Amino acid sequence: MRSQLGYPQSKVAAILGIADKSYKNYELEKRELPLSIAVKFCEDFDKNLIWLVYGISVPDSEQSARLAGETAQAVFDHADANDRSFSSAEIQKFTHYIFEQSLSKGTSPQSEAKLFFSAIG
C-alpha cells in the first residue's frame, strides 16, 4: 500500500506519529502492529481494518449493490442465452456462489458466471 502511494517508510511513520524504525519493523512483520496504530493507519489512509489485518477487500454498500445486480444479470443472461430455466433455489445458489467468487477474486460477475456455467454444463 505504501509503495503504491509512492511514500517512503519515513513519511508513513511521520503521518502515524511513530518512529521510522517502529514502522519498518511492523511492515517487515518483525513486531506486531498495535491495534491503535492499525486503526490510525486505516483512518489516515482510508483503508478498511479487515483489509489491513486479513488482506480481504470489503466493498462498501454501493459496490456491493452494484456487484449483486451485475451477478444476477450474469446468471439470467446465461439462462436466456442457453434457453435454460432454473428454479428460484438454483438461481439463489448460483448467484451466491458467483457473487462470492467475484468478490474474493476481484473479477467480474460475467467472467465468473461464464466459468461457473461452463463447469456445470
N, C-alpha and C. Protein backbone atom coordinates (compact mmCIF):
# COMPACT_ATOMS: atom_id res chain seq x y z
N MET A 1 0.84 -1.18 0.00
CA MET A 1 0.00 0.00 0.00
C MET A 1 0.88 1.24 0.00
N ARG A 2 1.88 1.25 0.86
CA ARG A 2 2.78 2.39 0.96
C ARG A 2 3.48 2.64 -0.37
N SER A 3 3.97 1.57 -0.98
CA SER A 3 4.70 1.72 -2.24
C SER A 3 3.77 2.16 -3.37
N GLN A 4 2.50 1.75 -3.31
CA GLN A 4 1.53 2.19 -4.32
C GLN A 4 1.34 3.70 -4.25
N LEU A 5 1.41 4.24 -3.04
CA LEU A 5 1.28 5.68 -2.86
C LEU A 5 2.57 6.42 -3.19
N GLY A 6 3.67 5.67 -3.28
CA GLY A 6 4.96 6.28 -3.55
C GLY A 6 5.58 6.93 -2.32
N TYR A 7 5.14 6.51 -1.14
CA TYR A 7 5.65 7.08 0.10
C TYR A 7 6.80 6.25 0.64
N PRO A 8 7.85 6.90 1.12
CA PRO A 8 8.89 6.16 1.83
C PRO A 8 8.37 5.78 3.23
N GLN A 9 9.02 4.82 3.85
CA GLN A 9 8.60 4.39 5.19
C GLN A 9 8.60 5.56 6.17
N SER A 10 9.58 6.45 6.02
CA SER A 10 9.69 7.58 6.95
C SER A 10 8.47 8.50 6.90
N LYS A 11 7.90 8.67 5.70
CA LYS A 11 6.73 9.55 5.58
C LYS A 11 5.51 8.91 6.24
N VAL A 12 5.31 7.61 6.01
CA VAL A 12 4.17 6.92 6.64
C VAL A 12 4.34 6.93 8.15
N ALA A 13 5.57 6.69 8.62
CA ALA A 13 5.84 6.72 10.06
C ALA A 13 5.50 8.10 10.63
N ALA A 14 5.88 9.16 9.93
CA ALA A 14 5.59 10.52 10.40
C ALA A 14 4.09 10.77 10.45
N ILE A 15 3.37 10.33 9.43
CA ILE A 15 1.91 10.50 9.40
C ILE A 15 1.28 9.79 10.59
N LEU A 16 1.80 8.60 10.91
CA LEU A 16 1.25 7.82 12.02
C LEU A 16 1.77 8.28 13.38
N GLY A 17 2.78 9.14 13.38
CA GLY A 17 3.33 9.64 14.63
C GLY A 17 4.17 8.61 15.38
N ILE A 18 4.88 7.78 14.62
CA ILE A 18 5.74 6.76 15.22
C ILE A 18 7.14 6.85 14.64
N ALA A 19 8.08 6.19 15.28
CA ALA A 19 9.47 6.20 14.81
C ALA A 19 9.59 5.41 13.51
N ASP A 20 10.52 5.83 12.65
CA ASP A 20 10.77 5.13 11.39
C ASP A 20 11.05 3.65 11.62
N LYS A 21 11.90 3.39 12.60
CA LYS A 21 12.30 2.00 12.88
C LYS A 21 11.09 1.16 13.31
N SER A 22 10.19 1.75 14.09
CA SER A 22 8.98 1.03 14.50
C SER A 22 8.14 0.66 13.29
N TYR A 23 7.95 1.64 12.39
CA TYR A 23 7.15 1.35 11.20
C TYR A 23 7.81 0.26 10.36
N LYS A 24 9.11 0.35 10.20
CA LYS A 24 9.84 -0.66 9.41
C LYS A 24 9.64 -2.05 10.01
N ASN A 25 9.72 -2.15 11.33
CA ASN A 25 9.52 -3.44 11.99
C ASN A 25 8.10 -3.97 11.81
N TYR A 26 7.11 -3.08 11.81
CA TYR A 26 5.73 -3.52 11.58
C TYR A 26 5.57 -4.01 10.15
N GLU A 27 6.13 -3.25 9.22
CA GLU A 27 5.99 -3.60 7.80
C GLU A 27 6.70 -4.92 7.48
N LEU A 28 7.83 -5.16 8.11
CA LEU A 28 8.57 -6.40 7.89
C LEU A 28 8.07 -7.55 8.76
N GLU A 29 7.03 -7.26 9.53
CA GLU A 29 6.40 -8.23 10.44
C GLU A 29 7.39 -8.77 11.48
N LYS A 30 8.33 -7.91 11.89
CA LYS A 30 9.25 -8.27 12.97
C LYS A 30 8.62 -7.99 14.32
N ARG A 31 7.69 -7.06 14.33
CA ARG A 31 6.93 -6.71 15.53
C ARG A 31 5.46 -6.69 15.18
N GLU A 32 4.64 -7.00 16.17
CA GLU A 32 3.19 -6.99 15.95
C GLU A 32 2.69 -5.54 15.96
N LEU A 33 1.84 -5.25 15.02
CA LEU A 33 1.28 -3.90 14.90
C LEU A 33 0.23 -3.69 15.98
N PRO A 34 0.40 -2.67 16.84
CA PRO A 34 -0.62 -2.40 17.86
C PRO A 34 -1.93 -1.97 17.21
N LEU A 35 -3.03 -2.33 17.84
CA LEU A 35 -4.35 -2.00 17.30
C LEU A 35 -4.51 -0.50 17.10
N SER A 36 -4.01 0.29 18.04
CA SER A 36 -4.17 1.74 17.92
C SER A 36 -3.48 2.28 16.66
N ILE A 37 -2.33 1.73 16.32
CA ILE A 37 -1.62 2.15 15.11
C ILE A 37 -2.35 1.64 13.87
N ALA A 38 -2.87 0.42 13.93
CA ALA A 38 -3.63 -0.13 12.81
C ALA A 38 -4.85 0.72 12.52
N VAL A 39 -5.57 1.11 13.56
CA VAL A 39 -6.77 1.94 13.38
C VAL A 39 -6.38 3.30 12.81
N LYS A 40 -5.32 3.90 13.34
CA LYS A 40 -4.88 5.21 12.81
C LYS A 40 -4.48 5.09 11.34
N PHE A 41 -3.77 4.02 11.00
CA PHE A 41 -3.38 3.80 9.61
C PHE A 41 -4.62 3.76 8.72
N CYS A 42 -5.62 2.99 9.13
CA CYS A 42 -6.84 2.86 8.33
C CYS A 42 -7.58 4.18 8.20
N GLU A 43 -7.62 4.94 9.28
CA GLU A 43 -8.28 6.25 9.23
C GLU A 43 -7.51 7.22 8.33
N ASP A 44 -6.20 7.27 8.50
CA ASP A 44 -5.38 8.23 7.75
C ASP A 44 -5.28 7.90 6.26
N PHE A 45 -5.34 6.61 5.93
CA PHE A 45 -5.18 6.19 4.54
C PHE A 45 -6.47 5.65 3.93
N ASP A 46 -7.58 5.87 4.62
CA ASP A 46 -8.91 5.47 4.14
C ASP A 46 -8.94 4.00 3.71
N LYS A 47 -8.49 3.14 4.60
CA LYS A 47 -8.49 1.69 4.37
C LYS A 47 -9.37 1.02 5.41
N ASN A 48 -9.83 -0.17 5.08
CA ASN A 48 -10.66 -0.95 5.98
C ASN A 48 -9.77 -1.80 6.87
N LEU A 49 -10.09 -1.89 8.15
CA LEU A 49 -9.29 -2.66 9.09
C LEU A 49 -9.26 -4.14 8.71
N ILE A 50 -10.35 -4.66 8.19
CA ILE A 50 -10.39 -6.06 7.75
C ILE A 50 -9.38 -6.27 6.63
N TRP A 51 -9.28 -5.31 5.73
CA TRP A 51 -8.29 -5.40 4.65
C TRP A 51 -6.87 -5.42 5.23
N LEU A 52 -6.60 -4.53 6.19
CA LEU A 52 -5.26 -4.44 6.75
C LEU A 52 -4.88 -5.72 7.49
N VAL A 53 -5.80 -6.28 8.25
CA VAL A 53 -5.50 -7.45 9.07
C VAL A 53 -5.50 -8.74 8.25
N TYR A 54 -6.52 -8.90 7.41
CA TYR A 54 -6.69 -10.17 6.70
C TYR A 54 -6.37 -10.12 5.20
N GLY A 55 -6.21 -8.92 4.67
CA GLY A 55 -5.95 -8.81 3.24
C GLY A 55 -7.18 -9.04 2.38
N ILE A 56 -8.35 -8.94 3.01
CA ILE A 56 -9.61 -9.17 2.30
C ILE A 56 -10.25 -7.82 2.00
N SER A 57 -10.56 -7.62 0.75
CA SER A 57 -11.20 -6.38 0.34
C SER A 57 -12.68 -6.42 0.73
N VAL A 58 -13.13 -5.38 1.38
CA VAL A 58 -14.52 -5.29 1.81
C VAL A 58 -15.17 -4.14 1.05
N PRO A 59 -16.12 -4.46 0.19
CA PRO A 59 -16.75 -3.39 -0.59
C PRO A 59 -17.72 -2.58 0.26
N ASP A 60 -17.92 -1.32 -0.13
CA ASP A 60 -18.93 -0.54 0.56
C ASP A 60 -20.30 -0.94 0.04
N SER A 61 -21.35 -0.40 0.61
CA SER A 61 -22.71 -0.83 0.25
C SER A 61 -23.04 -0.55 -1.21
N GLU A 62 -22.53 0.55 -1.76
CA GLU A 62 -22.80 0.87 -3.17
C GLU A 62 -22.11 -0.15 -4.08
N GLN A 63 -20.87 -0.50 -3.76
CA GLN A 63 -20.16 -1.50 -4.56
C GLN A 63 -20.85 -2.86 -4.45
N SER A 64 -21.29 -3.21 -3.25
CA SER A 64 -21.98 -4.50 -3.06
C SER A 64 -23.26 -4.55 -3.86
N ALA A 65 -24.02 -3.47 -3.83
CA ALA A 65 -25.28 -3.44 -4.57
C ALA A 65 -25.03 -3.56 -6.07
N ARG A 66 -24.03 -2.86 -6.57
CA ARG A 66 -23.69 -2.94 -8.00
C ARG A 66 -23.26 -4.35 -8.36
N LEU A 67 -22.40 -4.94 -7.55
CA LEU A 67 -21.90 -6.29 -7.81
C LEU A 67 -23.04 -7.31 -7.75
N ALA A 68 -23.95 -7.15 -6.81
CA ALA A 68 -25.09 -8.06 -6.71
C ALA A 68 -25.96 -7.97 -7.96
N GLY A 69 -26.20 -6.75 -8.42
CA GLY A 69 -27.00 -6.56 -9.63
C GLY A 69 -26.33 -7.16 -10.86
N GLU A 70 -25.02 -6.94 -10.98
CA GLU A 70 -24.28 -7.50 -12.12
C GLU A 70 -24.26 -9.02 -12.07
N THR A 71 -24.20 -9.57 -10.86
CA THR A 71 -24.19 -11.03 -10.71
C THR A 71 -25.53 -11.62 -11.13
N ALA A 72 -26.61 -11.02 -10.65
CA ALA A 72 -27.94 -11.50 -11.03
C ALA A 72 -28.12 -11.40 -12.54
N GLN A 73 -27.69 -10.30 -13.12
CA GLN A 73 -27.80 -10.11 -14.57
C GLN A 73 -27.02 -11.18 -15.32
N ALA A 74 -25.83 -11.50 -14.84
CA ALA A 74 -25.00 -12.52 -15.49
C ALA A 74 -25.67 -13.89 -15.45
N VAL A 75 -26.30 -14.22 -14.33
CA VAL A 75 -27.00 -15.51 -14.21
C VAL A 75 -28.17 -15.56 -15.17
N PHE A 76 -28.98 -14.51 -15.20
CA PHE A 76 -30.14 -14.50 -16.09
C PHE A 76 -29.73 -14.44 -17.56
N ASP A 77 -28.66 -13.71 -17.86
CA ASP A 77 -28.17 -13.67 -19.24
C ASP A 77 -27.76 -15.06 -19.71
N HIS A 78 -27.09 -15.80 -18.85
CA HIS A 78 -26.68 -17.15 -19.22
C HIS A 78 -27.91 -18.04 -19.45
N ALA A 79 -28.88 -17.94 -18.57
CA ALA A 79 -30.09 -18.75 -18.72
C ALA A 79 -30.79 -18.43 -20.03
N ASP A 80 -30.91 -17.14 -20.35
CA ASP A 80 -31.56 -16.73 -21.60
C ASP A 80 -30.77 -17.18 -22.82
N ALA A 81 -29.46 -16.99 -22.80
CA ALA A 81 -28.62 -17.32 -23.95
C ALA A 81 -28.62 -18.82 -24.25
N ASN A 82 -28.83 -19.62 -23.23
CA ASN A 82 -28.79 -21.07 -23.40
C ASN A 82 -30.17 -21.72 -23.30
N ASP A 83 -31.21 -20.86 -23.32
CA ASP A 83 -32.59 -21.33 -23.27
C ASP A 83 -32.80 -22.33 -22.13
N ARG A 84 -32.31 -21.94 -20.96
CA ARG A 84 -32.43 -22.80 -19.78
C ARG A 84 -33.27 -22.09 -18.75
N SER A 85 -33.96 -22.88 -17.97
CA SER A 85 -34.69 -22.30 -16.84
C SER A 85 -34.22 -22.99 -15.57
N PHE A 86 -34.14 -22.20 -14.53
CA PHE A 86 -33.69 -22.70 -13.24
C PHE A 86 -34.73 -22.36 -12.18
N SER A 87 -34.78 -23.16 -11.14
CA SER A 87 -35.68 -22.87 -10.03
C SER A 87 -35.13 -21.66 -9.27
N SER A 88 -35.98 -21.04 -8.48
CA SER A 88 -35.51 -19.89 -7.70
C SER A 88 -34.41 -20.30 -6.73
N ALA A 89 -34.49 -21.52 -6.19
CA ALA A 89 -33.44 -22.00 -5.28
C ALA A 89 -32.12 -22.15 -6.02
N GLU A 90 -32.16 -22.65 -7.25
CA GLU A 90 -30.93 -22.79 -8.04
C GLU A 90 -30.35 -21.42 -8.36
N ILE A 91 -31.21 -20.50 -8.76
CA ILE A 91 -30.75 -19.14 -9.08
C ILE A 91 -30.08 -18.52 -7.86
N GLN A 92 -30.68 -18.72 -6.70
CA GLN A 92 -30.11 -18.17 -5.47
C GLN A 92 -28.73 -18.77 -5.21
N LYS A 93 -28.60 -20.08 -5.33
CA LYS A 93 -27.31 -20.74 -5.09
C LYS A 93 -26.26 -20.29 -6.11
N PHE A 94 -26.65 -20.26 -7.38
CA PHE A 94 -25.72 -19.84 -8.43
C PHE A 94 -25.24 -18.41 -8.20
N THR A 95 -26.21 -17.53 -7.93
CA THR A 95 -25.90 -16.12 -7.74
C THR A 95 -24.98 -15.92 -6.53
N HIS A 96 -25.29 -16.62 -5.45
CA HIS A 96 -24.47 -16.51 -4.24
C HIS A 96 -23.03 -16.94 -4.52
N TYR A 97 -22.88 -18.08 -5.17
CA TYR A 97 -21.54 -18.59 -5.47
C TYR A 97 -20.77 -17.64 -6.38
N ILE A 98 -21.40 -17.20 -7.43
CA ILE A 98 -20.74 -16.31 -8.40
C ILE A 98 -20.39 -14.97 -7.74
N PHE A 99 -21.28 -14.46 -6.92
CA PHE A 99 -21.02 -13.21 -6.19
C PHE A 99 -19.78 -13.36 -5.31
N GLU A 100 -19.73 -14.44 -4.53
CA GLU A 100 -18.59 -14.66 -3.64
C GLU A 100 -17.27 -14.82 -4.41
N GLN A 101 -17.32 -15.54 -5.52
CA GLN A 101 -16.11 -15.71 -6.33
C GLN A 101 -15.64 -14.38 -6.89
N SER A 102 -16.56 -13.62 -7.40
CA SER A 102 -16.23 -12.32 -7.98
C SER A 102 -15.65 -11.39 -6.91
N LEU A 103 -16.26 -11.39 -5.74
CA LEU A 103 -15.80 -10.54 -4.65
C LEU A 103 -14.41 -10.95 -4.17
N SER A 104 -14.21 -12.23 -3.96
CA SER A 104 -12.92 -12.68 -3.41
C SER A 104 -11.78 -12.57 -4.41
N LYS A 105 -12.07 -12.76 -5.68
CA LYS A 105 -11.02 -12.71 -6.70
C LYS A 105 -10.84 -11.32 -7.33
N GLY A 106 -11.85 -10.47 -7.15
CA GLY A 106 -11.81 -9.16 -7.79
C GLY A 106 -12.09 -9.23 -9.28
N THR A 107 -12.82 -10.27 -9.69
CA THR A 107 -13.15 -10.45 -11.11
C THR A 107 -14.58 -10.03 -11.37
N SER A 108 -14.94 -9.93 -12.63
CA SER A 108 -16.29 -9.51 -12.97
C SER A 108 -17.26 -10.68 -12.79
N PRO A 109 -18.50 -10.38 -12.41
CA PRO A 109 -19.50 -11.44 -12.31
C PRO A 109 -19.71 -12.16 -13.65
N GLN A 110 -19.57 -11.43 -14.75
CA GLN A 110 -19.76 -12.03 -16.06
C GLN A 110 -18.71 -13.12 -16.31
N SER A 111 -17.46 -12.84 -15.98
CA SER A 111 -16.42 -13.85 -16.21
C SER A 111 -16.58 -15.03 -15.25
N GLU A 112 -16.99 -14.76 -14.02
CA GLU A 112 -17.22 -15.85 -13.06
C GLU A 112 -18.42 -16.69 -13.47
N ALA A 113 -19.46 -16.06 -13.98
CA ALA A 113 -20.64 -16.80 -14.44
C ALA A 113 -20.28 -17.69 -15.62
N LYS A 114 -19.47 -17.17 -16.52
CA LYS A 114 -19.04 -17.96 -17.68
C LYS A 114 -18.28 -19.20 -17.22
N LEU A 115 -17.36 -19.04 -16.30
CA LEU A 115 -16.61 -20.18 -15.76
C LEU A 115 -17.53 -21.17 -15.05
N PHE A 116 -18.43 -20.64 -14.25
CA PHE A 116 -19.34 -21.48 -13.48
C PHE A 116 -20.23 -22.32 -14.39
N PHE A 117 -20.87 -21.66 -15.34
CA PHE A 117 -21.81 -22.39 -16.20
C PHE A 117 -21.11 -23.32 -17.17
N SER A 118 -19.88 -23.00 -17.55
CA SER A 118 -19.15 -23.95 -18.40
C SER A 118 -18.76 -25.19 -17.59
N ALA A 119 -18.55 -25.02 -16.30
CA ALA A 119 -18.19 -26.16 -15.44
C ALA A 119 -19.38 -27.08 -15.17
N ILE A 120 -20.58 -26.48 -15.03
CA ILE A 120 -21.74 -27.33 -14.72
C ILE A 120 -22.46 -27.83 -15.97
N GLY A 121 -22.05 -27.31 -17.11
CA GLY A 121 -22.63 -27.77 -18.37
C GLY A 121 -23.86 -27.09 -18.70
